């Protein structure tokens, strides 16, 4: 067995986390927790670039100085 196998995969971590949540919260609590998860929508990178395009180092510095 290689040393790299001792490192859990993302899937294994997810399964362990879901198991722990189910044990702690019960099935109903786990379901309620999972319903709170939201990936959002849109393209964060493009949206951020759009609202930041008017910023410059000088404008940010001036805003910080107040």
N, C-alpha and C. Protein backbone atom coordinates (compact mmCIF):
# COMPACT_ATOMS: atom_id res chain seq x y z
N UNK A 1 0.85 -1.18 0.00
CA UNK A 1 0.00 0.00 0.00
C UNK A 1 0.89 1.24 0.00
N UNK A 2 0.60 2.15 -0.91
CA UNK A 2 1.42 3.36 -0.99
C UNK A 2 0.97 4.38 0.05
N UNK A 3 1.85 5.29 0.35
CA UNK A 3 1.55 6.32 1.35
C UNK A 3 0.41 7.23 0.89
N UNK A 4 0.28 7.39 -0.41
CA UNK A 4 -0.76 8.28 -0.93
C UNK A 4 -2.16 7.72 -0.64
N UNK A 5 -2.31 6.43 -0.48
CA UNK A 5 -3.61 5.82 -0.20
C UNK A 5 -4.10 6.16 1.20
N UNK A 6 -3.22 6.54 2.09
CA UNK A 6 -3.63 6.93 3.44
C UNK A 6 -4.38 8.26 3.43
N UNK A 7 -4.29 8.98 2.35
CA UNK A 7 -4.98 10.25 2.21
C UNK A 7 -6.37 9.99 1.66
N UNK A 8 -7.44 10.34 2.39
CA UNK A 8 -8.79 10.02 1.91
C UNK A 8 -9.16 10.83 0.67
N UNK A 9 -9.96 10.22 -0.18
CA UNK A 9 -10.44 10.92 -1.37
C UNK A 9 -11.53 11.91 -0.96
N UNK A 10 -11.87 12.82 -1.86
CA UNK A 10 -12.95 13.75 -1.59
C UNK A 10 -14.26 13.00 -1.33
N UNK A 11 -14.50 11.94 -2.08
CA UNK A 11 -15.72 11.14 -1.90
C UNK A 11 -15.75 10.52 -0.50
N UNK A 12 -14.62 9.98 -0.06
CA UNK A 12 -14.56 9.37 1.27
C UNK A 12 -14.80 10.40 2.37
N UNK A 13 -14.24 11.59 2.22
CA UNK A 13 -14.46 12.65 3.20
C UNK A 13 -15.93 13.04 3.22
N UNK A 14 -16.54 13.16 2.05
CA UNK A 14 -17.95 13.50 1.97
C UNK A 14 -18.81 12.44 2.66
N UNK A 15 -18.50 11.17 2.42
CA UNK A 15 -19.27 10.10 3.03
C UNK A 15 -19.11 10.09 4.55
N UNK A 16 -17.90 10.32 5.03
CA UNK A 16 -17.67 10.39 6.47
C UNK A 16 -18.44 11.55 7.10
N UNK A 17 -18.44 12.68 6.41
CA UNK A 17 -19.14 13.87 6.93
C UNK A 17 -20.65 13.63 6.98
N UNK A 18 -21.19 13.04 5.92
CA UNK A 18 -22.63 12.76 5.90
C UNK A 18 -23.00 11.76 6.99
N UNK A 19 -22.16 10.78 7.20
CA UNK A 19 -22.41 9.79 8.25
C UNK A 19 -22.40 10.47 9.63
N UNK A 20 -21.42 11.33 9.86
CA UNK A 20 -21.34 12.03 11.15
C UNK A 20 -22.55 12.94 11.36
N UNK A 21 -22.96 13.63 10.31
CA UNK A 21 -24.13 14.49 10.42
C UNK A 21 -25.40 13.68 10.69
N UNK A 22 -25.53 12.55 10.02
CA UNK A 22 -26.70 11.71 10.24
C UNK A 22 -26.74 11.19 11.67
N UNK A 23 -25.58 10.79 12.19
CA UNK A 23 -25.52 10.31 13.57
C UNK A 23 -25.85 11.42 14.55
N UNK A 24 -25.36 12.62 14.27
CA UNK A 24 -25.55 13.74 15.19
C UNK A 24 -26.94 14.36 15.09
N UNK A 25 -27.44 14.53 13.87
CA UNK A 25 -28.69 15.25 13.65
C UNK A 25 -29.89 14.35 13.40
N UNK A 26 -29.63 13.09 13.08
CA UNK A 26 -30.71 12.21 12.65
C UNK A 26 -31.00 12.43 11.17
N UNK A 27 -31.82 11.57 10.61
CA UNK A 27 -32.09 11.65 9.18
C UNK A 27 -32.79 12.97 8.84
N UNK A 28 -33.79 13.35 9.64
CA UNK A 28 -34.51 14.60 9.37
C UNK A 28 -33.61 15.82 9.44
N UNK A 29 -32.73 15.86 10.44
CA UNK A 29 -31.80 16.98 10.56
C UNK A 29 -30.81 17.02 9.41
N UNK A 30 -30.36 15.84 8.99
CA UNK A 30 -29.43 15.78 7.85
C UNK A 30 -30.12 16.31 6.60
N UNK A 31 -31.36 15.92 6.39
CA UNK A 31 -32.09 16.40 5.21
C UNK A 31 -32.25 17.91 5.27
N UNK A 32 -32.63 18.44 6.43
CA UNK A 32 -32.77 19.89 6.57
C UNK A 32 -31.45 20.60 6.31
N UNK A 33 -30.35 20.04 6.81
CA UNK A 33 -29.03 20.62 6.58
C UNK A 33 -28.71 20.64 5.10
N UNK A 34 -28.95 19.53 4.42
CA UNK A 34 -28.63 19.43 2.99
C UNK A 34 -29.48 20.39 2.17
N UNK A 35 -30.69 20.67 2.59
CA UNK A 35 -31.56 21.59 1.86
C UNK A 35 -31.05 23.03 1.96
N UNK A 36 -30.23 23.32 2.95
CA UNK A 36 -29.69 24.67 3.11
C UNK A 36 -28.56 24.95 2.14
N UNK A 37 -27.95 23.90 1.60
CA UNK A 37 -26.81 24.06 0.70
C UNK A 37 -27.28 24.59 -0.64
N UNK A 38 -26.67 25.66 -1.11
CA UNK A 38 -27.05 26.27 -2.37
C UNK A 38 -25.79 26.65 -3.13
N UNK A 39 -25.68 26.15 -4.33
CA UNK A 39 -24.50 26.46 -5.14
C UNK A 39 -24.58 27.85 -5.75
N UNK A 40 -25.74 28.47 -5.70
CA UNK A 40 -25.90 29.78 -6.30
C UNK A 40 -26.10 29.67 -7.80
N UNK A 41 -26.04 30.78 -8.47
CA UNK A 41 -26.20 30.77 -9.92
C UNK A 41 -25.35 31.87 -10.52
N UNK A 42 -25.21 31.84 -11.80
CA UNK A 42 -24.42 32.85 -12.49
C UNK A 42 -22.95 32.48 -12.55
N UNK A 43 -22.17 33.42 -13.00
CA UNK A 43 -20.74 33.23 -13.14
C UNK A 43 -20.05 34.26 -12.23
N UNK A 44 -19.63 33.81 -11.07
CA UNK A 44 -19.04 34.71 -10.07
C UNK A 44 -17.85 35.48 -10.64
N UNK A 45 -17.00 34.81 -11.40
CA UNK A 45 -15.80 35.46 -11.92
C UNK A 45 -16.16 36.61 -12.86
N UNK A 46 -17.06 36.35 -13.79
CA UNK A 46 -17.45 37.40 -14.72
C UNK A 46 -18.20 38.53 -14.00
N UNK A 47 -19.07 38.17 -13.08
CA UNK A 47 -19.80 39.19 -12.31
C UNK A 47 -18.84 40.06 -11.51
N UNK A 48 -17.86 39.45 -10.88
CA UNK A 48 -16.88 40.20 -10.08
C UNK A 48 -16.06 41.12 -10.97
N UNK A 49 -15.64 40.62 -12.13
CA UNK A 49 -14.87 41.46 -13.05
C UNK A 49 -15.69 42.66 -13.51
N UNK A 50 -16.99 42.45 -13.71
CA UNK A 50 -17.85 43.54 -14.16
C UNK A 50 -17.95 44.64 -13.11
N UNK A 51 -18.22 44.28 -11.84
CA UNK A 51 -18.38 45.32 -10.84
C UNK A 51 -17.07 45.90 -10.36
N UNK A 52 -15.95 45.25 -10.68
CA UNK A 52 -14.65 45.78 -10.26
C UNK A 52 -13.92 46.53 -11.36
N UNK A 53 -14.48 46.57 -12.56
CA UNK A 53 -13.72 47.16 -13.67
C UNK A 53 -13.48 48.66 -13.51
N UNK A 54 -14.27 49.33 -12.68
CA UNK A 54 -14.06 50.76 -12.47
C UNK A 54 -13.02 51.05 -11.39
N UNK A 55 -12.61 50.02 -10.66
CA UNK A 55 -11.63 50.21 -9.60
C UNK A 55 -10.22 50.33 -10.16
N UNK A 56 -9.44 51.12 -9.48
CA UNK A 56 -8.00 51.21 -9.75
C UNK A 56 -7.30 51.25 -8.40
N UNK A 57 -6.02 51.10 -8.40
CA UNK A 57 -5.26 51.18 -7.16
C UNK A 57 -5.48 52.55 -6.52
N UNK A 58 -5.44 53.57 -7.33
CA UNK A 58 -5.62 54.93 -6.79
C UNK A 58 -7.01 55.13 -6.20
N UNK A 59 -8.05 54.64 -6.88
CA UNK A 59 -9.41 54.83 -6.35
C UNK A 59 -9.60 54.04 -5.06
N UNK A 60 -9.04 52.86 -5.00
CA UNK A 60 -9.14 52.06 -3.76
C UNK A 60 -8.39 52.73 -2.62
N UNK A 61 -7.21 53.24 -2.91
CA UNK A 61 -6.41 53.92 -1.90
C UNK A 61 -7.15 55.15 -1.37
N UNK A 62 -7.76 55.91 -2.27
CA UNK A 62 -8.49 57.10 -1.88
C UNK A 62 -9.68 56.71 -1.01
N UNK A 63 -10.34 55.63 -1.35
CA UNK A 63 -11.49 55.18 -0.56
C UNK A 63 -11.07 54.73 0.83
N UNK A 64 -9.93 54.09 0.92
CA UNK A 64 -9.42 53.64 2.22
C UNK A 64 -9.05 54.84 3.09
N UNK A 65 -8.41 55.82 2.48
CA UNK A 65 -8.02 57.01 3.23
C UNK A 65 -9.22 57.78 3.73
N UNK A 66 -10.35 57.66 3.04
CA UNK A 66 -11.59 58.29 3.48
C UNK A 66 -11.66 59.68 3.06
